[in-house]
Each structure stands twice: as structure tokens, then as C-alpha cells.
């Protein structure tokens, strides 16, 4: 859809397995996740061989300035607050 090949993971451990098998160019991650939060997941994705170059986009209910600073510090390129404008998100994930 929209020129992207997408995969979906329903939890952080499944997301890490996908990164190992799929090597995504971009990952759209929620921050408030079970098992580990999106910040830890971002770090683990970037620490993996196949996720090192993956662009990270946060989609979250957390939108305060401190929340945005924390996503930047965790390696996220963009921070969207729910509900997300679909056109803006599609523009962000399209290949350059």
C-alpha cells in the first residue's frame, strides 16, 4: 500500500523477530507497550544487525515536550501523537 511493504507485530518480542527476518527501512512504534516500552524496543532494534539503519517513528498518546525529548534521545526520527493524521504518517514512511 502506498509503495511500502508492511509487516505487523502485536508485541515487542514479535517486532524484534520481524526485524531479524525482514530488516525494515522504517518502523512505526507505540511507546506504551507490554513486556518492554517503545524506548527499550527502539534501542534493541538499533542494536541489532538488521535494524541498525532502521528509521524509527513514534506513534503515542504521550505528547508533552519531555515525551518528545525522550523519543529523540531514544533514536526516534519523528514523534506523532494519537490520533495520527494518516497523510502525515504515510508521507513520513514513504521511501525517500
PDB file of N, CA and C in Angstrom:
ATOM      1  N   UNK A   1       0.840  -1.171   0.000  1.00  0.00           N
ATOM      2  CA  UNK A   1       0.000   0.000   0.000  1.00  0.00           C
ATOM      3  C   UNK A   1       0.888   1.238   0.000  1.00  0.00           C
ATOM      4  N   UNK A   2       0.596   2.167  -0.861  1.00  0.00           N
ATOM      5  CA  UNK A   2       1.353   3.411  -0.933  1.00  0.00           C
ATOM      6  C   UNK A   2       2.826   3.189  -1.225  1.00  0.00           C
ATOM      7  N   UNK A   3       3.181   2.092  -1.880  1.00  0.00           N
ATOM      8  CA  UNK A   3       4.569   1.841  -2.247  1.00  0.00           C
ATOM      9  C   UNK A   3       5.421   1.236  -1.161  1.00  0.00           C
ATOM     10  N   UNK A   4       4.798   0.807  -0.074  1.00  0.00           N
ATOM     11  CA  UNK A   4       5.535   0.229   1.049  1.00  0.00           C
ATOM     12  C   UNK A   4       5.147  -1.234   1.244  1.00  0.00           C
ATOM     13  N   UNK A   5       6.109  -2.024   1.647  1.00  0.00           N
ATOM     14  CA  UNK A   5       5.827  -3.400   2.061  1.00  0.00           C
ATOM     15  C   UNK A   5       5.776  -3.382   3.576  1.00  0.00           C
ATOM     16  N   UNK A   6       4.650  -3.737   4.148  1.00  0.00           N
ATOM     17  CA  UNK A   6       4.461  -3.625   5.594  1.00  0.00           C
ATOM     18  C   UNK A   6       4.343  -4.978   6.262  1.00  0.00           C
ATOM     19  N   UNK A   7       4.798  -5.022   7.485  1.00  0.00           N
ATOM     20  CA  UNK A   7       4.634  -6.179   8.369  1.00  0.00           C
ATOM     21  C   UNK A   7       4.113  -5.642   9.691  1.00  0.00           C
ATOM     22  N   UNK A   8       3.366  -6.466  10.409  1.00  0.00           N
ATOM     23  CA  UNK A   8       2.774  -6.043  11.675  1.00  0.00           C
ATOM     24  C   UNK A   8       3.209  -6.997  12.773  1.00  0.00           C
ATOM     25  N   UNK A   9       3.591  -6.422  13.901  1.00  0.00           N
ATOM     26  CA  UNK A   9       3.896  -7.193  15.100  1.00  0.00           C
ATOM     27  C   UNK A   9       2.968  -6.690  16.203  1.00  0.00           C
ATOM     28  N   UNK A  10       2.440  -7.609  16.977  1.00  0.00           N
ATOM     29  CA  UNK A  10       1.482  -7.226  18.019  1.00  0.00           C
ATOM     30  C   UNK A  10       2.119  -7.055  19.388  1.00  0.00           C
ATOM     31  N   UNK A  11       3.415  -7.330  19.501  1.00  0.00           N
ATOM     32  CA  UNK A  11       4.114  -7.115  20.759  1.00  0.00           C
ATOM     33  C   UNK A  11       5.603  -6.901  20.469  1.00  0.00           C
ATOM     34  N   UNK A  12       6.347  -6.365  21.419  1.00  0.00           N
ATOM     35  CA  UNK A  12       7.752  -6.042  21.181  1.00  0.00           C
ATOM     36  C   UNK A  12       8.630  -7.233  20.799  1.00  0.00           C
ATOM     37  N   UNK A  13       8.413  -8.386  21.404  1.00  0.00           N
ATOM     38  CA  UNK A  13       9.239  -9.546  21.068  1.00  0.00           C
ATOM     39  C   UNK A  13       8.997  -9.999  19.636  1.00  0.00           C
ATOM     40  N   UNK A  14       7.749  -9.935  19.199  1.00  0.00           N
ATOM     41  CA  UNK A  14       7.443 -10.263  17.805  1.00  0.00           C
ATOM     42  C   UNK A  14       8.067  -9.229  16.869  1.00  0.00           C
ATOM     43  N   UNK A  15       8.108  -7.968  17.297  1.00  0.00           N
ATOM     44  CA  UNK A  15       8.735  -6.922  16.481  1.00  0.00           C
ATOM     45  C   UNK A  15      10.226  -7.189  16.303  1.00  0.00           C
ATOM     46  N   UNK A  16      10.884  -7.598  17.368  1.00  0.00           N
ATOM     47  CA  UNK A  16      12.318  -7.907  17.266  1.00  0.00           C
ATOM     48  C   UNK A  16      12.559  -9.084  16.332  1.00  0.00           C
ATOM     49  N   UNK A  17      11.701 -10.080  16.378  1.00  0.00           N
ATOM     50  CA  UNK A  17      11.823 -11.224  15.469  1.00  0.00           C
ATOM     51  C   UNK A  17      11.627 -10.776  14.023  1.00  0.00           C
ATOM     52  N   UNK A  18      10.687  -9.872  13.806  1.00  0.00           N
ATOM     53  CA  UNK A  18      10.464  -9.345  12.447  1.00  0.00           C
ATOM     54  C   UNK A  18      11.683  -8.593  11.938  1.00  0.00           C
ATOM     55  N   UNK A  19      12.294  -7.809  12.799  1.00  0.00           N
ATOM     56  CA  UNK A  19      13.480  -7.057  12.389  1.00  0.00           C
ATOM     57  C   UNK A  19      14.563  -8.021  11.917  1.00  0.00           C
ATOM     58  N   UNK A  20      14.731  -9.117  12.631  1.00  0.00           N
ATOM     59  CA  UNK A  20      15.751 -10.106  12.260  1.00  0.00           C
ATOM     60  C   UNK A  20      15.456 -10.795  10.933  1.00  0.00           C
ATOM     61  N   UNK A  21      14.181 -10.954  10.602  1.00  0.00           N
ATOM     62  CA  UNK A  21      13.834 -11.662   9.375  1.00  0.00           C
ATOM     63  C   UNK A  21      13.521 -10.734   8.203  1.00  0.00           C
ATOM     64  N   UNK A  22      13.166  -9.491   8.491  1.00  0.00           N
ATOM     65  CA  UNK A  22      12.656  -8.580   7.466  1.00  0.00           C
ATOM     66  C   UNK A  22      13.591  -7.403   7.185  1.00  0.00           C
ATOM     67  N   UNK A  23      14.377  -6.970   8.161  1.00  0.00           N
ATOM     68  CA  UNK A  23      15.274  -5.816   8.044  1.00  0.00           C
ATOM     69  C   UNK A  23      14.538  -4.590   7.491  1.00  0.00           C
ATOM     70  N   UNK A  24      13.597  -4.031   8.247  1.00  0.00           N
ATOM     71  CA  UNK A  24      12.811  -2.898   7.752  1.00  0.00           C
ATOM     72  C   UNK A  24      13.633  -1.626   7.598  1.00  0.00           C
ATOM     73  N   UNK A  25      13.205  -0.792   6.662  1.00  0.00           N
ATOM     74  CA  UNK A  25      13.819   0.528   6.495  1.00  0.00           C
ATOM     75  C   UNK A  25      13.257   1.513   7.502  1.00  0.00           C
ATOM     76  N   UNK A  26      12.011   1.307   7.911  1.00  0.00           N
ATOM     77  CA  UNK A  26      11.345   2.188   8.875  1.00  0.00           C
ATOM     78  C   UNK A  26      10.449   1.335   9.771  1.00  0.00           C
ATOM     79  N   UNK A  27      10.346   1.741  11.030  1.00  0.00           N
ATOM     80  CA  UNK A  27       9.456   1.069  11.974  1.00  0.00           C
ATOM     81  C   UNK A  27       8.619   2.121  12.681  1.00  0.00           C
ATOM     82  N   UNK A  28       7.323   1.881  12.734  1.00  0.00           N
ATOM     83  CA  UNK A  28       6.395   2.755  13.442  1.00  0.00           C
ATOM     84  C   UNK A  28       6.073   2.040  14.752  1.00  0.00           C
ATOM     85  N   UNK A  29       6.475   2.651  15.864  1.00  0.00           N
ATOM     86  CA  UNK A  29       6.354   2.006  17.168  1.00  0.00           C
ATOM     87  C   UNK A  29       5.499   2.817  18.121  1.00  0.00           C
ATOM     88  N   UNK A  30       4.669   2.112  18.875  1.00  0.00           N
ATOM     89  CA  UNK A  30       3.978   2.725  20.001  1.00  0.00           C
ATOM     90  C   UNK A  30       4.972   2.796  21.153  1.00  0.00           C
ATOM     91  N   UNK A  31       4.757   3.672  22.107  1.00  0.00           N
ATOM     92  CA  UNK A  31       5.652   3.784  23.253  1.00  0.00           C
ATOM     93  C   UNK A  31       5.145   2.949  24.417  1.00  0.00           C
ATOM     94  N   UNK A  32       3.860   3.012  24.695  1.00  0.00           N
ATOM     95  CA  UNK A  32       3.284   2.259  25.806  1.00  0.00           C
ATOM     96  C   UNK A  32       2.955   0.838  25.381  1.00  0.00           C
ATOM     97  N   UNK A  33       3.918  -0.068  25.547  1.00  0.00           N
ATOM     98  CA  UNK A  33       3.776  -1.446  25.093  1.00  0.00           C
ATOM     99  C   UNK A  33       3.908  -2.416  26.260  1.00  0.00           C
ATOM    100  N   UNK A  34       3.336  -3.609  26.136  1.00  0.00           N
ATOM    101  CA  UNK A  34       3.554  -4.638  27.164  1.00  0.00           C
ATOM    102  C   UNK A  34       4.958  -5.238  27.021  1.00  0.00           C
ATOM    103  N   UNK A  35       5.465  -5.833  28.066  1.00  0.00           N
ATOM    104  CA  UNK A  35       6.755  -6.537  28.086  1.00  0.00           C
ATOM    105  C   UNK A  35       7.949  -5.593  28.101  1.00  0.00           C
ATOM    106  N   UNK A  36       7.973  -4.591  27.236  1.00  0.00           N
ATOM    107  CA  UNK A  36       9.009  -3.547  27.243  1.00  0.00           C
ATOM    108  C   UNK A  36       8.411  -2.332  26.559  1.00  0.00           C
ATOM    109  N   UNK A  37       8.842  -1.154  26.971  1.00  0.00           N
ATOM    110  CA  UNK A  37       8.269   0.041  26.338  1.00  0.00           C
ATOM    111  C   UNK A  37       8.947   0.308  24.987  1.00  0.00           C
ATOM    112  N   UNK A  38       8.393   1.248  24.255  1.00  0.00           N
ATOM    113  CA  UNK A  38       8.902   1.567  22.932  1.00  0.00           C
ATOM    114  C   UNK A  38      10.314   2.122  22.934  1.00  0.00           C
ATOM    115  N   UNK A  39      10.718   2.743  24.041  1.00  0.00           N
ATOM    116  CA  UNK A  39      12.089   3.259  24.142  1.00  0.00           C
ATOM    117  C   UNK A  39      13.088   2.104  24.171  1.00  0.00           C
ATOM    118  N   UNK A  40      12.793   1.102  24.987  1.00  0.00           N
ATOM    119  CA  UNK A  40      13.680  -0.063  25.044  1.00  0.00           C
ATOM    120  C   UNK A  40      13.665  -0.806  23.710  1.00  0.00           C
ATOM    121  N   UNK A  41      12.481  -0.955  23.129  1.00  0.00           N
ATOM    122  CA  UNK A  41      12.378  -1.621  21.827  1.00  0.00           C
ATOM    123  C   UNK A  41      13.204  -0.879  20.778  1.00  0.00           C
ATOM    124  N   UNK A  42      13.150   0.438  20.773  1.00  0.00           N
ATOM    125  CA  UNK A  42      13.942   1.230  19.821  1.00  0.00           C
ATOM    126  C   UNK A  42      15.431   0.943  19.987  1.00  0.00           C
ATOM    127  N   UNK A  43      15.891   0.915  21.224  1.00  0.00           N
ATOM    128  CA  UNK A  43      17.301   0.632  21.477  1.00  0.00           C
ATOM    129  C   UNK A  43      17.702  -0.757  21.023  1.00  0.00           C
ATOM    130  N   UNK A  44      16.826  -1.722  21.251  1.00  0.00           N
ATOM    131  CA  UNK A  44      17.135  -3.092  20.845  1.00  0.00           C
ATOM    132  C   UNK A  44      17.102  -3.248  19.329  1.00  0.00           C
ATOM    133  N   UNK A  45      16.209  -2.519  18.665  1.00  0.00           N
ATOM    134  CA  UNK A  45      16.177  -2.555  17.198  1.00  0.00           C
ATOM    135  C   UNK A  45      17.484  -1.985  16.647  1.00  0.00           C
ATOM    136  N   UNK A  46      17.888  -0.834  17.144  1.00  0.00           N
ATOM    137  CA  UNK A  46      19.113  -0.206  16.637  1.00  0.00           C
ATOM    138  C   UNK A  46      20.375  -0.973  17.023  1.00  0.00           C
ATOM    139  N   UNK A  47      20.306  -1.771  18.077  1.00  0.00           N
ATOM    140  CA  UNK A  47      21.458  -2.582  18.483  1.00  0.00           C
ATOM    141  C   UNK A  47      21.583  -3.860  17.647  1.00  0.00           C
ATOM    142  N   UNK A  48      20.510  -4.221  16.955  1.00  0.00           N
ATOM    143  CA  UNK A  48      20.544  -5.446  16.156  1.00  0.00           C
ATOM    144  C   UNK A  48      21.209  -5.195  14.807  1.00  0.00           C
ATOM    145  N   UNK A  49      21.805  -6.200  14.268  1.00  0.00           N
ATOM    146  CA  UNK A  49      22.499  -6.085  12.984  1.00  0.00           C
ATOM    147  C   UNK A  49      21.562  -5.629  11.878  1.00  0.00           C
ATOM    148  N   UNK A  50      20.380  -6.212  11.782  1.00  0.00           N
ATOM    149  CA  UNK A  50      19.470  -5.899  10.683  1.00  0.00           C
ATOM    150  C   UNK A  50      18.597  -4.677  10.942  1.00  0.00           C
ATOM    151  N   UNK A  51      18.655  -4.122  12.153  1.00  0.00           N
ATOM    152  CA  UNK A  51      17.847  -2.948  12.466  1.00  0.00           C
ATOM    153  C   UNK A  51      18.644  -1.687  12.677  1.00  0.00           C
ATOM    154  N   UNK A  52      19.943  -1.803  12.533  1.00  0.00           N
ATOM    155  CA  UNK A  52      20.835  -0.675  12.816  1.00  0.00           C
ATOM    156  C   UNK A  52      20.462   0.579  12.020  1.00  0.00           C
ATOM    157  N   UNK A  53      20.112   0.435  10.758  1.00  0.00           N
ATOM    158  CA  UNK A  53      19.809   1.581   9.895  1.00  0.00           C
ATOM    159  C   UNK A  53      18.319   1.907   9.822  1.00  0.00           C
ATOM    160  N   UNK A  54      17.511   1.204  10.589  1.00  0.00           N
ATOM    161  CA  UNK A  54      16.058   1.398  10.550  1.00  0.00           C
ATOM    162  C   UNK A  54      15.675   2.775  11.095  1.00  0.00           C
ATOM    163  N   UNK A  55      14.883   3.514  10.334  1.00  0.00           N
ATOM    164  CA  UNK A  55      14.330   4.788  10.805  1.00  0.00           C
ATOM    165  C   UNK A  55      13.178   4.497  11.745  1.00  0.00           C
ATOM    166  N   UNK A  56      13.124   5.170  12.882  1.00  0.00           N
ATOM    167  CA  UNK A  56      12.084   4.923  13.876  1.00  0.00           C
ATOM    168  C   UNK A  56      11.126   6.098  13.966  1.00  0.00           C
ATOM    169  N   UNK A  57       9.835   5.763  14.007  1.00  0.00           N
ATOM    170  CA  UNK A  57       8.781   6.766  14.149  1.00  0.00           C
ATOM    171  C   UNK A  57       7.927   6.370  15.340  1.00  0.00           C
ATOM    172  N   UNK A  58       7.770   7.287  16.287  1.00  0.00           N
ATOM    173  CA  UNK A  58       6.928   7.042  17.461  1.00  0.00           C
ATOM    174  C   UNK A  58       5.500   7.469  17.156  1.00  0.00           C
ATOM    175  N   UNK A  59       4.548   6.614  17.526  1.00  0.00           N
ATOM    176  CA  UNK A  59       3.129   6.928  17.479  1.00  0.00           C
ATOM    177  C   UNK A  59       2.610   6.628  18.878  1.00  0.00           C
ATOM    178  N   UNK A  60       2.206   7.676  19.594  1.00  0.00           N
ATOM    179  CA  UNK A  60       1.947   7.524  21.013  1.00  0.00           C
ATOM    180  C   UNK A  60       0.882   8.489  21.515  1.00  0.00           C
ATOM    181  N   UNK A  61       0.372   8.203  22.672  1.00  0.00           N
ATOM    182  CA  UNK A  61      -0.542   9.111  23.347  1.00  0.00           C
ATOM    183  C   UNK A  61       0.199  10.146  24.174  1.00  0.00           C
ATOM    184  N   UNK A  62       1.511   9.995  24.294  1.00  0.00           N
ATOM    185  CA  UNK A  62       2.335  10.902  25.091  1.00  0.00           C
ATOM    186  C   UNK A  62       2.839  12.036  24.210  1.00  0.00           C
ATOM    187  N   UNK A  63       2.452  13.279  24.512  1.00  0.00           N
ATOM    188  CA  UNK A  63       2.802  14.373  23.628  1.00  0.00           C
ATOM    189  C   UNK A  63       3.419  15.588  24.283  1.00  0.00           C
ATOM    190  N   UNK A  64       3.794  15.479  25.551  1.00  0.00           N
ATOM    191  CA  UNK A  64       4.420  16.617  26.235  1.00  0.00           C
ATOM    192  C   UNK A  64       5.844  16.827  25.723  1.00  0.00           C
ATOM    193  N   UNK A  65       6.389  18.028  25.902  1.00  0.00           N
ATOM    194  CA  UNK A  65       7.758  18.278  25.447  1.00  0.00           C
ATOM    195  C   UNK A  65       8.774  17.260  25.989  1.00  0.00           C
ATOM    196  N   UNK A  66       8.638  16.858  27.239  1.00  0.00           N
ATOM    197  CA  UNK A  66       9.548  15.845  27.792  1.00  0.00           C
ATOM    198  C   UNK A  66       9.412  14.510  27.066  1.00  0.00           C
ATOM    199  N   UNK A  67       8.187  14.167  26.659  1.00  0.00           N
ATOM    200  CA  UNK A  67       7.962  12.927  25.910  1.00  0.00           C
ATOM    201  C   UNK A  67       8.663  12.990  24.561  1.00  0.00           C
ATOM    202  N   UNK A  68       8.570  14.122  23.909  1.00  0.00           N
ATOM    203  CA  UNK A  68       9.217  14.296  22.602  1.00  0.00           C
ATOM    204  C   UNK A  68      10.740  14.259  22.730  1.00  0.00           C
ATOM    205  N   UNK A  69      11.242  14.855  23.777  1.00  0.00           N
ATOM    206  CA  UNK A  69      12.694  14.823  24.014  1.00  0.00           C
ATOM    207  C   UNK A  69      13.155  13.394  24.278  1.00  0.00           C
ATOM    208  N   UNK A  70      12.351  12.645  24.993  1.00  0.00           N
ATOM    209  CA  UNK A  70      12.721  11.257  25.296  1.00  0.00           C
ATOM    210  C   UNK A  70      12.723  10.389  24.039  1.00  0.00           C
ATOM    211  N   UNK A  71      11.770  10.598  23.128  1.00  0.00           N
ATOM    212  CA  UNK A  71      11.785   9.805  21.891  1.00  0.00           C
ATOM    213  C   UNK A  71      12.997  10.166  21.046  1.00  0.00           C
ATOM    214  N   UNK A  72      13.338  11.454  20.972  1.00  0.00           N
ATOM    215  CA  UNK A  72      14.551  11.855  20.231  1.00  0.00           C
ATOM    216  C   UNK A  72      15.789  11.195  20.821  1.00  0.00           C
ATOM    217  N   UNK A  73      15.883  11.226  22.146  1.00  0.00           N
ATOM    218  CA  UNK A  73      17.046  10.631  22.818  1.00  0.00           C
ATOM    219  C   UNK A  73      17.121   9.124  22.592  1.00  0.00           C
ATOM    220  N   UNK A  74      15.969   8.493  22.395  1.00  0.00           N
ATOM    221  CA  UNK A  74      15.925   7.043  22.170  1.00  0.00           C
ATOM    222  C   UNK A  74      16.195   6.677  20.714  1.00  0.00           C
ATOM    223  N   UNK A  75      16.353   7.684  19.844  1.00  0.00           N
ATOM    224  CA  UNK A  75      16.685   7.400  18.445  1.00  0.00           C
ATOM    225  C   UNK A  75      15.526   7.506  17.476  1.00  0.00           C
ATOM    226  N   UNK A  76      14.380   7.997  17.932  1.00  0.00           N
ATOM    227  CA  UNK A  76      13.248   8.174  17.034  1.00  0.00           C
ATOM    228  C   UNK A  76      13.468   9.411  16.176  1.00  0.00           C
ATOM    229  N   UNK A  77      13.143   9.281  14.897  1.00  0.00           N
ATOM    230  CA  UNK A  77      13.271  10.387  13.945  1.00  0.00           C
ATOM    231  C   UNK A  77      12.077  11.326  14.030  1.00  0.00           C
ATOM    232  N   UNK A  78      10.890  10.766  14.230  1.00  0.00           N
ATOM    233  CA  UNK A  78       9.651  11.547  14.285  1.00  0.00           C
ATOM    234  C   UNK A  78       8.801  11.081  15.457  1.00  0.00           C
ATOM    235  N   UNK A  79       7.905  11.970  15.914  1.00  0.00           N
ATOM    236  CA  UNK A  79       7.029  11.692  17.054  1.00  0.00           C
ATOM    237  C   UNK A  79       5.629  12.166  16.685  1.00  0.00           C
ATOM    238  N   UNK A  80       4.700  11.239  16.536  1.00  0.00           N
ATOM    239  CA  UNK A  80       3.303  11.564  16.253  1.00  0.00           C
ATOM    240  C   UNK A  80       2.468  11.243  17.487  1.00  0.00           C
ATOM    241  N   UNK A  81       1.532  12.152  17.798  1.00  0.00           N
ATOM    242  CA  UNK A  81       0.621  11.940  18.920  1.00  0.00           C
ATOM    243  C   UNK A  81      -0.717  11.463  18.366  1.00  0.00           C
ATOM    244  N   UNK A  82      -1.258  10.433  19.012  1.00  0.00           N
ATOM    245  CA  UNK A  82      -2.550   9.874  18.609  1.00  0.00           C
ATOM    246  C   UNK A  82      -3.662  10.878  18.907  1.00  0.00           C
ATOM    247  N   UNK A  83      -4.677  10.946  18.080  1.00  0.00           N
ATOM    248  CA  UNK A  83      -4.835  10.249  16.809  1.00  0.00           C
ATOM    249  C   UNK A  83      -3.922  10.867  15.746  1.00  0.00           C
ATOM    250  N   UNK A  84      -3.352  10.020  14.932  1.00  0.00           N
ATOM    251  CA  UNK A  84      -2.364  10.440  13.938  1.00  0.00           C
ATOM    252  C   UNK A  84      -3.053  10.787  12.624  1.00  0.00           C
ATOM    253  N   UNK A  85      -2.602  11.864  12.002  1.00  0.00           N
ATOM    254  CA  UNK A  85      -3.066  12.220  10.667  1.00  0.00           C
ATOM    255  C   UNK A  85      -2.466  11.215   9.685  1.00  0.00           C
ATOM    256  N   UNK A  86      -3.297  10.434   9.034  1.00  0.00           N
ATOM    257  CA  UNK A  86      -2.829   9.358   8.155  1.00  0.00           C
ATOM    258  C   UNK A  86      -1.944   9.877   7.028  1.00  0.00           C
ATOM    259  N   UNK A  87      -2.313  10.996   6.424  1.00  0.00           N
ATOM    260  CA  UNK A  87      -1.484  11.538   5.338  1.00  0.00           C
ATOM    261  C   UNK A  87      -0.089  11.893   5.830  1.00  0.00           C
ATOM    262  N   UNK A  88       0.001  12.474   7.024  1.00  0.00           N
ATOM    263  CA  UNK A  88       1.327  12.829   7.580  1.00  0.00           C
ATOM    264  C   UNK A  88       2.145  11.580   7.856  1.00  0.00           C
ATOM    265  N   UNK A  89       1.515  10.550   8.373  1.00  0.00           N
ATOM    266  CA  UNK A  89       2.232   9.301   8.647  1.00  0.00           C
ATOM    267  C   UNK A  89       2.678   8.627   7.352  1.00  0.00           C
ATOM    268  N   UNK A  90       1.824   8.579   6.361  1.00  0.00           N
ATOM    269  CA  UNK A  90       2.200   7.995   5.072  1.00  0.00           C
ATOM    270  C   UNK A  90       3.354   8.753   4.437  1.00  0.00           C
ATOM    271  N   UNK A  91       3.319  10.056   4.528  1.00  0.00           N
ATOM    272  CA  UNK A  91       4.419  10.869   3.998  1.00  0.00           C
ATOM    273  C   UNK A  91       5.737  10.529   4.729  1.00  0.00           C
ATOM    274  N   UNK A  92       5.644  10.304   6.020  1.00  0.00           N
ATOM    275  CA  UNK A  92       6.843  10.010   6.817  1.00  0.00           C
ATOM    276  C   UNK A  92       7.454   8.650   6.503  1.00  0.00           C
ATOM    277  N   UNK A  93       6.632   7.678   6.148  1.00  0.00           N
ATOM    278  CA  UNK A  93       7.175   6.326   5.929  1.00  0.00           C
ATOM    279  C   UNK A  93       7.533   6.042   4.484  1.00  0.00           C
ATOM    280  N   UNK A  94       7.126   6.881   3.565  1.00  0.00           N
ATOM    281  CA  UNK A  94       7.450   6.641   2.156  1.00  0.00           C
ATOM    282  C   UNK A  94       8.955   6.635   1.934  1.00  0.00           C
ATOM    283  N   UNK A  95       9.416   5.779   1.058  1.00  0.00           N
ATOM    284  CA  UNK A  95      10.846   5.787   0.740  1.00  0.00           C
ATOM    285  C   UNK A  95      11.273   7.135   0.178  1.00  0.00           C
ATOM    286  N   UNK A  96      12.469   7.541   0.520  1.00  0.00           N
ATOM    287  CA  UNK A  96      12.981   8.847   0.066  1.00  0.00           C
ATOM    288  C   UNK A  96      13.244   8.857  -1.429  1.00  0.00           C
TER     289      UNK A  96
END
